[in-house]
Amino acid sequence: MSEVAPDSLNYALVVSEFFLGLRGSGLLLSPLDQELVAEWEQRGVPAPVVCRGIRQGIERLGEEGTHRPPRPPRSLRALRGFVEEEWRAYRAGRVGDAPAPSGEEAVAEERLSRARGQLAAAAHTAPARLSEAYRAAWRALVAADTHPGSPLERAAAAIAAADARLLSAWLRSLPAPERASLGARVRLLGGARPRGTSRRSHREALRAHLADLALEAGLTPLRGSV
């Protein structure tokens, strides 16, 4: 794997990073949640509207629930009604581009700060063969402002680019036989593509398994943990 392609820093990435960042766990959305995000994109629901609906849904569920502190739902589908409510309000009373979710800039900077801290800590214990990979990942985080889009989009792009550099360097560092066997292991873990699941969602699931293998090998991915 190489640098993140520009077209991968897209609607789905922004929405998933926003939700996973608020939830505080997970590397990728489930295939069903990915299908839901794809549906919103196809219907033309602006990403900031989706993000605002997600935030409001989590806050309202927390107020109504019994958990202290409140625990965000594990599935994005649990927040679908809140996103739809926000979409109806947007269409009924707003024109032009949706404003960024409240506090977006602060949320984005907080995520980048946590990412830099986690990366610096991991670099101290990383094997020498990965030292340059961690430096490259650090440079990707520092360059967050060079990406287009909103603060959340820039933060998501920088974190994805940092992880791509780490994963690419890890793969290159493996002995050839081990590297060649990774594809078969990932396909075995992922299994056949379930009926009704898009190829895109299935590829994302396979990438999640590859990231899990890298984590088991001692790599420190940022997505889903910051």
C-alpha atoms as a PDB file:
ATOM      1  CA  MET A   1       0.000   0.000   0.000  1.00  0.00           C
ATOM      2  CA  SER A   2       1.140   3.551  -0.694  1.00  0.00           C
ATOM      3  CA  GLU A   3      -0.081   7.043   0.026  1.00  0.00           C
ATOM      4  CA  VAL A   4      -3.821   7.475   0.445  1.00  0.00           C
ATOM      5  CA  ALA A   5      -5.314   8.274  -2.942  1.00  0.00           C
ATOM      6  CA  PRO A   6      -6.988  11.680  -3.137  1.00  0.00           C
ATOM      7  CA  ASP A   7     -10.359  10.150  -4.003  1.00  0.00           C
ATOM      8  CA  SER A   8     -10.297   8.078  -0.802  1.00  0.00           C
ATOM      9  CA  LEU A   9     -10.421  11.261   1.313  1.00  0.00           C
ATOM     10  CA  ASN A  10     -14.105  11.450   0.643  1.00  0.00           C
ATOM     11  CA  TYR A  11     -17.583  11.705   2.098  1.00  0.00           C
ATOM     12  CA  ALA A  12     -17.494   8.228   3.658  1.00  0.00           C
ATOM     13  CA  LEU A  13     -14.147   8.906   5.332  1.00  0.00           C
ATOM     14  CA  VAL A  14     -15.299  12.191   6.853  1.00  0.00           C
ATOM     15  CA  VAL A  15     -18.507  10.684   8.256  1.00  0.00           C
ATOM     16  CA  SER A  16     -16.844   7.521   9.561  1.00  0.00           C
ATOM     17  CA  GLU A  17     -13.954   9.405  11.184  1.00  0.00           C
ATOM     18  CA  PHE A  18     -16.394  11.810  12.856  1.00  0.00           C
ATOM     19  CA  PHE A  19     -18.522   8.973  14.265  1.00  0.00           C
ATOM     20  CA  LEU A  20     -15.575   6.783  15.316  1.00  0.00           C
ATOM     21  CA  GLY A  21     -13.897   9.797  16.922  1.00  0.00           C
ATOM     22  CA  LEU A  22     -16.969  10.524  19.046  1.00  0.00           C
ATOM     23  CA  ARG A  23     -17.447   6.845  19.851  1.00  0.00           C
ATOM     24  CA  GLY A  24     -13.811   6.507  20.860  1.00  0.00           C
ATOM     25  CA  SER A  25     -13.259   3.001  19.477  1.00  0.00           C
ATOM     26  CA  GLY A  26     -13.134   1.008  16.281  1.00  0.00           C
ATOM     27  CA  LEU A  27     -11.069   1.238  13.110  1.00  0.00           C
ATOM     28  CA  LEU A  28     -13.806   1.104  10.481  1.00  0.00           C
ATOM     29  CA  LEU A  29     -17.557   1.112  10.188  1.00  0.00           C
ATOM     30  CA  SER A  30     -19.364  -2.178   9.794  1.00  0.00           C
ATOM     31  CA  PRO A  31     -20.415  -3.115   6.235  1.00  0.00           C
ATOM     32  CA  LEU A  32     -24.041  -2.255   7.055  1.00  0.00           C
ATOM     33  CA  ASP A  33     -23.062   1.142   8.422  1.00  0.00           C
ATOM     34  CA  GLN A  34     -20.926   1.758   5.334  1.00  0.00           C
ATOM     35  CA  GLU A  35     -23.943   1.010   3.166  1.00  0.00           C
ATOM     36  CA  LEU A  36     -25.949   3.562   5.171  1.00  0.00           C
ATOM     37  CA  VAL A  37     -23.295   6.236   4.635  1.00  0.00           C
ATOM     38  CA  ALA A  38     -23.245   5.430   0.908  1.00  0.00           C
ATOM     39  CA  GLU A  39     -27.023   5.842   0.832  1.00  0.00           C
ATOM     40  CA  TRP A  40     -26.793   9.299   2.449  1.00  0.00           C
ATOM     41  CA  GLU A  41     -24.152  10.319  -0.077  1.00  0.00           C
ATOM     42  CA  GLN A  42     -26.253   9.103  -3.013  1.00  0.00           C
ATOM     43  CA  ARG A  43     -29.263  11.049  -1.696  1.00  0.00           C
ATOM     44  CA  GLY A  44     -27.194  14.219  -1.486  1.00  0.00           C
ATOM     45  CA  VAL A  45     -27.248  14.646   2.292  1.00  0.00           C
ATOM     46  CA  PRO A  46     -24.301  17.011   3.009  1.00  0.00           C
ATOM     47  CA  ALA A  47     -21.595  15.493   5.200  1.00  0.00           C
ATOM     48  CA  PRO A  48     -21.807  18.346   7.764  1.00  0.00           C
ATOM     49  CA  VAL A  49     -25.544  17.645   8.129  1.00  0.00           C
ATOM     50  CA  VAL A  50     -24.796  13.961   8.779  1.00  0.00           C
ATOM     51  CA  CYS A  51     -22.109  14.870  11.313  1.00  0.00           C
ATOM     52  CA  ARG A  52     -24.413  17.285  13.113  1.00  0.00           C
ATOM     53  CA  GLY A  53     -27.144  14.636  13.265  1.00  0.00           C
ATOM     54  CA  ILE A  54     -24.653  12.132  14.668  1.00  0.00           C
ATOM     55  CA  ARG A  55     -23.482  14.531  17.373  1.00  0.00           C
ATOM     56  CA  GLN A  56     -27.000  15.543  18.365  1.00  0.00           C
ATOM     57  CA  GLY A  57     -28.125  11.911  18.422  1.00  0.00           C
ATOM     58  CA  ILE A  58     -25.295  10.884  20.729  1.00  0.00           C
ATOM     59  CA  GLU A  59     -25.977  13.838  23.025  1.00  0.00           C
ATOM     60  CA  ARG A  60     -29.715  13.184  23.178  1.00  0.00           C
ATOM     61  CA  LEU A  61     -29.288   9.459  23.763  1.00  0.00           C
ATOM     62  CA  GLY A  62     -26.871  10.290  26.555  1.00  0.00           C
ATOM     63  CA  GLU A  63     -29.395  12.599  28.188  1.00  0.00           C
ATOM     64  CA  GLU A  64     -32.139   9.972  27.984  1.00  0.00           C
ATOM     65  CA  GLY A  65     -30.032   6.981  28.998  1.00  0.00           C
ATOM     66  CA  THR A  66     -29.034   5.654  32.388  1.00  0.00           C
ATOM     67  CA  HIS A  67     -25.294   5.283  31.769  1.00  0.00           C
ATOM     68  CA  ARG A  68     -23.000   7.808  33.444  1.00  0.00           C
ATOM     69  CA  PRO A  69     -20.965   8.770  31.528  1.00  0.00           C
ATOM     70  CA  PRO A  70     -23.145   8.009  28.489  1.00  0.00           C
ATOM     71  CA  ARG A  71     -21.857   5.398  26.063  1.00  0.00           C
ATOM     72  CA  PRO A  72     -22.224   6.257  22.360  1.00  0.00           C
ATOM     73  CA  PRO A  73     -23.969   3.555  20.314  1.00  0.00           C
ATOM     74  CA  ARG A  74     -21.701   1.053  18.612  1.00  0.00           C
ATOM     75  CA  SER A  75     -23.673   1.207  15.368  1.00  0.00           C
ATOM     76  CA  LEU A  76     -24.186   4.248  13.211  1.00  0.00           C
ATOM     77  CA  ARG A  77     -27.588   2.836  12.265  1.00  0.00           C
ATOM     78  CA  ALA A  78     -28.765   3.593  15.805  1.00  0.00           C
ATOM     79  CA  LEU A  79     -28.405   7.289  14.935  1.00  0.00           C
ATOM     80  CA  ARG A  80     -30.128   7.146  11.562  1.00  0.00           C
ATOM     81  CA  GLY A  81     -33.306   8.813  12.820  1.00  0.00           C
ATOM     82  CA  PHE A  82     -31.379  11.790  14.198  1.00  0.00           C
ATOM     83  CA  VAL A  83     -29.546  12.271  10.895  1.00  0.00           C
ATOM     84  CA  GLU A  84     -32.833  12.108   8.996  1.00  0.00           C
ATOM     85  CA  GLU A  85     -34.347  14.661  11.390  1.00  0.00           C
ATOM     86  CA  GLU A  86     -31.428  17.018  10.805  1.00  0.00           C
ATOM     87  CA  TRP A  87     -31.714  16.505   7.039  1.00  0.00           C
ATOM     88  CA  ARG A  88     -35.417  17.416   7.107  1.00  0.00           C
ATOM     89  CA  ALA A  89     -34.668  20.548   9.127  1.00  0.00           C
ATOM     90  CA  TYR A  90     -31.901  21.527   6.738  1.00  0.00           C
ATOM     91  CA  ARG A  91     -34.119  21.157   3.672  1.00  0.00           C
ATOM     92  CA  ALA A  92     -37.004  22.989   5.313  1.00  0.00           C
ATOM     93  CA  GLY A  93     -35.180  26.013   6.642  1.00  0.00           C
ATOM     94  CA  ARG A  94     -31.690  26.335   5.183  1.00  0.00           C
ATOM     95  CA  VAL A  95     -30.153  27.145   1.821  1.00  0.00           C
ATOM     96  CA  GLY A  96     -26.629  26.835   0.514  1.00  0.00           C
ATOM     97  CA  ASP A  97     -23.908  24.804   2.169  1.00  0.00           C
ATOM     98  CA  ALA A  98     -24.549  23.459   5.652  1.00  0.00           C
ATOM     99  CA  PRO A  99     -22.415  25.064   8.347  1.00  0.00           C
ATOM    100  CA  ALA A 100     -19.831  22.929  10.048  1.00  0.00           C
ATOM    101  CA  PRO A 101     -20.959  21.073  13.158  1.00  0.00           C
ATOM    102  CA  SER A 102     -20.617  23.104  16.333  1.00  0.00           C
ATOM    103  CA  GLY A 103     -17.093  22.916  17.719  1.00  0.00           C
ATOM    104  CA  GLU A 104     -15.750  21.167  14.605  1.00  0.00           C
ATOM    105  CA  GLU A 105     -12.446  23.043  14.588  1.00  0.00           C
ATOM    106  CA  ALA A 106     -11.797  22.229  18.255  1.00  0.00           C
ATOM    107  CA  VAL A 107     -12.715  18.570  17.716  1.00  0.00           C
ATOM    108  CA  ALA A 108     -10.375  18.353  14.730  1.00  0.00           C
ATOM    109  CA  GLU A 109      -7.452  19.946  16.589  1.00  0.00           C
ATOM    110  CA  GLU A 110      -8.035  17.681  19.598  1.00  0.00           C
ATOM    111  CA  ARG A 111      -7.895  14.595  17.348  1.00  0.00           C
ATOM    112  CA  LEU A 112      -4.676  15.782  15.705  1.00  0.00           C
ATOM    113  CA  SER A 113      -3.146  16.523  19.113  1.00  0.00           C
ATOM    114  CA  ARG A 114      -3.986  13.031  20.372  1.00  0.00           C
ATOM    115  CA  ALA A 115      -2.638  11.543  17.149  1.00  0.00           C
ATOM    116  CA  ARG A 116       0.660  13.389  17.502  1.00  0.00           C
ATOM    117  CA  GLY A 117       0.995  12.279  21.115  1.00  0.00           C
ATOM    118  CA  GLN A 118       0.235   8.656  20.326  1.00  0.00           C
ATOM    119  CA  LEU A 119       2.601   8.651  17.366  1.00  0.00           C
ATOM    120  CA  ALA A 120       5.448  10.157  19.398  1.00  0.00           C
ATOM    121  CA  ALA A 121       4.989   7.583  22.166  1.00  0.00           C
ATOM    122  CA  ALA A 122       4.922   4.689  19.689  1.00  0.00           C
ATOM    123  CA  ALA A 123       8.034   5.926  17.902  1.00  0.00           C
ATOM    124  CA  HIS A 124      10.076   5.635  21.114  1.00  0.00           C
ATOM    125  CA  THR A 125       9.570   1.865  21.256  1.00  0.00           C
ATOM    126  CA  ALA A 126       9.392   1.138  17.525  1.00  0.00           C
ATOM    127  CA  PRO A 127      12.056  -1.100  15.965  1.00  0.00           C
ATOM    128  CA  ALA A 128      14.747   0.684  14.005  1.00  0.00           C
ATOM    129  CA  ARG A 129      13.389  -0.602  10.691  1.00  0.00           C
ATOM    130  CA  LEU A 130      10.214   1.441  11.264  1.00  0.00           C
ATOM    131  CA  SER A 131      11.797   4.658  12.526  1.00  0.00           C
ATOM    132  CA  GLU A 132      11.552   6.390   9.153  1.00  0.00           C
ATOM    133  CA  ALA A 133       7.937   5.254   8.831  1.00  0.00           C
ATOM    134  CA  TYR A 134       7.036   7.027  12.072  1.00  0.00           C
ATOM    135  CA  ARG A 135       8.857  10.162  10.929  1.00  0.00           C
ATOM    136  CA  ALA A 136       6.925  10.092   7.654  1.00  0.00           C
ATOM    137  CA  ALA A 137       3.675   9.628   9.568  1.00  0.00           C
ATOM    138  CA  TRP A 138       4.544  12.586  11.778  1.00  0.00           C
ATOM    139  CA  ARG A 139       5.137  14.746   8.703  1.00  0.00           C
ATOM    140  CA  ALA A 140       1.709  13.706   7.408  1.00  0.00           C
ATOM    141  CA  LEU A 141       0.075  14.966  10.614  1.00  0.00           C
ATOM    142  CA  VAL A 142       2.010  18.230  10.544  1.00  0.00           C
ATOM    143  CA  ALA A 143       0.797  18.807   6.974  1.00  0.00           C
ATOM    144  CA  ALA A 144      -2.903  18.590   7.944  1.00  0.00           C
ATOM    145  CA  ASP A 145      -3.583  22.193   6.920  1.00  0.00           C
ATOM    146  CA  THR A 146      -2.431  21.498   3.352  1.00  0.00           C
ATOM    147  CA  HIS A 147      -5.463  19.273   2.710  1.00  0.00           C
ATOM    148  CA  PRO A 148      -8.654  20.779   1.293  1.00  0.00           C
ATOM    149  CA  GLY A 149     -11.990  20.849   3.071  1.00  0.00           C
ATOM    150  CA  SER A 150     -13.291  21.580   6.532  1.00  0.00           C
ATOM    151  CA  PRO A 151     -11.209  21.159   9.721  1.00  0.00           C
ATOM    152  CA  LEU A 152     -12.612  17.647  10.212  1.00  0.00           C
ATOM    153  CA  GLU A 153     -11.880  16.734   6.604  1.00  0.00           C
ATOM    154  CA  ARG A 154      -8.297  17.985   6.928  1.00  0.00           C
ATOM    155  CA  ALA A 155      -7.773  16.101  10.189  1.00  0.00           C
ATOM    156  CA  ALA A 156      -9.242  12.902   8.737  1.00  0.00           C
ATOM    157  CA  ALA A 157      -7.062  13.227   5.642  1.00  0.00           C
ATOM    158  CA  ALA A 158      -3.900  13.734   7.700  1.00  0.00           C
ATOM    159  CA  ILE A 159      -4.635  10.792  10.012  1.00  0.00           C
ATOM    160  CA  ALA A 160      -5.444   8.524   7.070  1.00  0.00           C
ATOM    161  CA  ALA A 161      -2.245   9.589   5.309  1.00  0.00           C
ATOM    162  CA  ALA A 162      -0.188   8.933   8.462  1.00  0.00           C
ATOM    163  CA  ASP A 163      -1.660   5.441   8.827  1.00  0.00           C
ATOM    164  CA  ALA A 164      -1.088   4.722   5.136  1.00  0.00           C
ATOM    165  CA  ARG A 165       2.594   5.578   5.500  1.00  0.00           C
ATOM    166  CA  LEU A 166       2.925   3.389   8.577  1.00  0.00           C
ATOM    167  CA  LEU A 167       1.173   0.426   6.966  1.00  0.00           C
ATOM    168  CA  SER A 168       3.128   0.761   3.734  1.00  0.00           C
ATOM    169  CA  ALA A 169       6.446   0.833   5.592  1.00  0.00           C
ATOM    170  CA  TRP A 170       5.440  -2.162   7.718  1.00  0.00           C
ATOM    171  CA  LEU A 171       4.571  -4.202   4.640  1.00  0.00           C
ATOM    172  CA  ARG A 172       7.878  -3.311   2.985  1.00  0.00           C
ATOM    173  CA  SER A 173       9.776  -4.316   6.121  1.00  0.00           C
ATOM    174  CA  LEU A 174       8.397  -7.878   6.132  1.00  0.00           C
ATOM    175  CA  PRO A 175      10.380 -10.787   4.712  1.00  0.00           C
ATOM    176  CA  ALA A 176       9.158 -11.628   1.210  1.00  0.00           C
ATOM    177  CA  PRO A 177       7.517 -14.976   2.153  1.00  0.00           C
ATOM    178  CA  GLU A 178       5.600 -13.402   5.050  1.00  0.00           C
ATOM    179  CA  ARG A 179       4.505 -10.478   2.931  1.00  0.00           C
ATOM    180  CA  ALA A 180       3.300 -12.830   0.191  1.00  0.00           C
ATOM    181  CA  SER A 181       1.169 -14.800   2.661  1.00  0.00           C
ATOM    182  CA  LEU A 182      -0.648 -11.748   4.003  1.00  0.00           C
ATOM    183  CA  GLY A 183      -3.114 -11.581   1.129  1.00  0.00           C
ATOM    184  CA  ALA A 184      -4.294 -15.137   1.713  1.00  0.00           C
ATOM    185  CA  ARG A 185      -4.621 -14.525   5.469  1.00  0.00           C
ATOM    186  CA  VAL A 186      -6.670 -11.387   4.945  1.00  0.00           C
ATOM    187  CA  ARG A 187      -8.979 -13.119   2.464  1.00  0.00           C
ATOM    188  CA  LEU A 188      -9.425 -16.019   4.878  1.00  0.00           C
ATOM    189  CA  LEU A 189     -10.316 -13.658   7.724  1.00  0.00           C
ATOM    190  CA  GLY A 190     -12.677 -11.637   5.576  1.00  0.00           C
ATOM    191  CA  GLY A 191     -14.419 -14.580   3.957  1.00  0.00           C
ATOM    192  CA  ALA A 192     -16.602 -14.342   0.886  1.00  0.00           C
ATOM    193  CA  ARG A 193     -18.443 -11.102   0.171  1.00  0.00           C
ATOM    194  CA  PRO A 194     -21.879 -11.362   1.826  1.00  0.00           C
ATOM    195  CA  ARG A 195     -24.878 -11.077  -0.437  1.00  0.00           C
ATOM    196  CA  GLY A 196     -26.112  -7.509  -0.574  1.00  0.00           C
ATOM    197  CA  THR A 197     -22.759  -6.034   0.453  1.00  0.00           C
ATOM    198  CA  SER A 198     -21.053  -3.807  -2.107  1.00  0.00           C
ATOM    199  CA  ARG A 199     -17.546  -4.495  -3.356  1.00  0.00           C
ATOM    200  CA  ARG A 200     -16.431  -1.229  -1.834  1.00  0.00           C
ATOM    201  CA  SER A 201     -17.682  -2.196   1.620  1.00  0.00           C
ATOM    202  CA  HIS A 202     -16.081  -5.620   1.335  1.00  0.00           C
ATOM    203  CA  ARG A 203     -12.738  -4.067   0.397  1.00  0.00           C
ATOM    204  CA  GLU A 204     -12.962  -1.817   3.444  1.00  0.00           C
ATOM    205  CA  ALA A 205     -13.594  -4.866   5.615  1.00  0.00           C
ATOM    206  CA  LEU A 206     -10.509  -6.561   4.179  1.00  0.00           C
ATOM    207  CA  ARG A 207      -8.451  -3.451   4.887  1.00  0.00           C
ATOM    208  CA  ALA A 208      -9.687  -3.569   8.480  1.00  0.00           C
ATOM    209  CA  HIS A 209      -8.360  -7.136   8.813  1.00  0.00           C
ATOM    210  CA  LEU A 210      -5.014  -6.024   7.378  1.00  0.00           C
ATOM    211  CA  ALA A 211      -4.896  -3.207   9.930  1.00  0.00           C
ATOM    212  CA  ASP A 212      -5.669  -5.722  12.698  1.00  0.00           C
ATOM    213  CA  LEU A 213      -2.734  -7.891  11.582  1.00  0.00           C
ATOM    214  CA  ALA A 214      -0.478  -4.851  11.635  1.00  0.00           C
ATOM    215  CA  LEU A 215      -1.696  -4.026  15.144  1.00  0.00           C
ATOM    216  CA  GLU A 216      -0.945  -7.574  16.300  1.00  0.00           C
ATOM    217  CA  ALA A 217       2.534  -7.180  14.825  1.00  0.00           C
ATOM    218  CA  GLY A 218       3.172  -4.121  16.989  1.00  0.00           C
ATOM    219  CA  LEU A 219       2.266  -1.274  14.642  1.00  0.00           C
ATOM    220  CA  THR A 220       0.274   1.588  16.129  1.00  0.00           C
ATOM    221  CA  PRO A 221      -2.510   2.757  13.786  1.00  0.00           C
ATOM    222  CA  LEU A 222      -4.187   6.050  14.595  1.00  0.00           C
ATOM    223  CA  ARG A 223      -7.629   5.659  13.072  1.00  0.00           C
ATOM    224  CA  GLY A 224     -10.185   4.515  15.606  1.00  0.00           C
ATOM    225  CA  SER A 225      -7.879   5.239  18.534  1.00  0.00           C
ATOM    226  CA  VAL A 226      -7.689   9.042  18.425  1.00  0.00           C
END
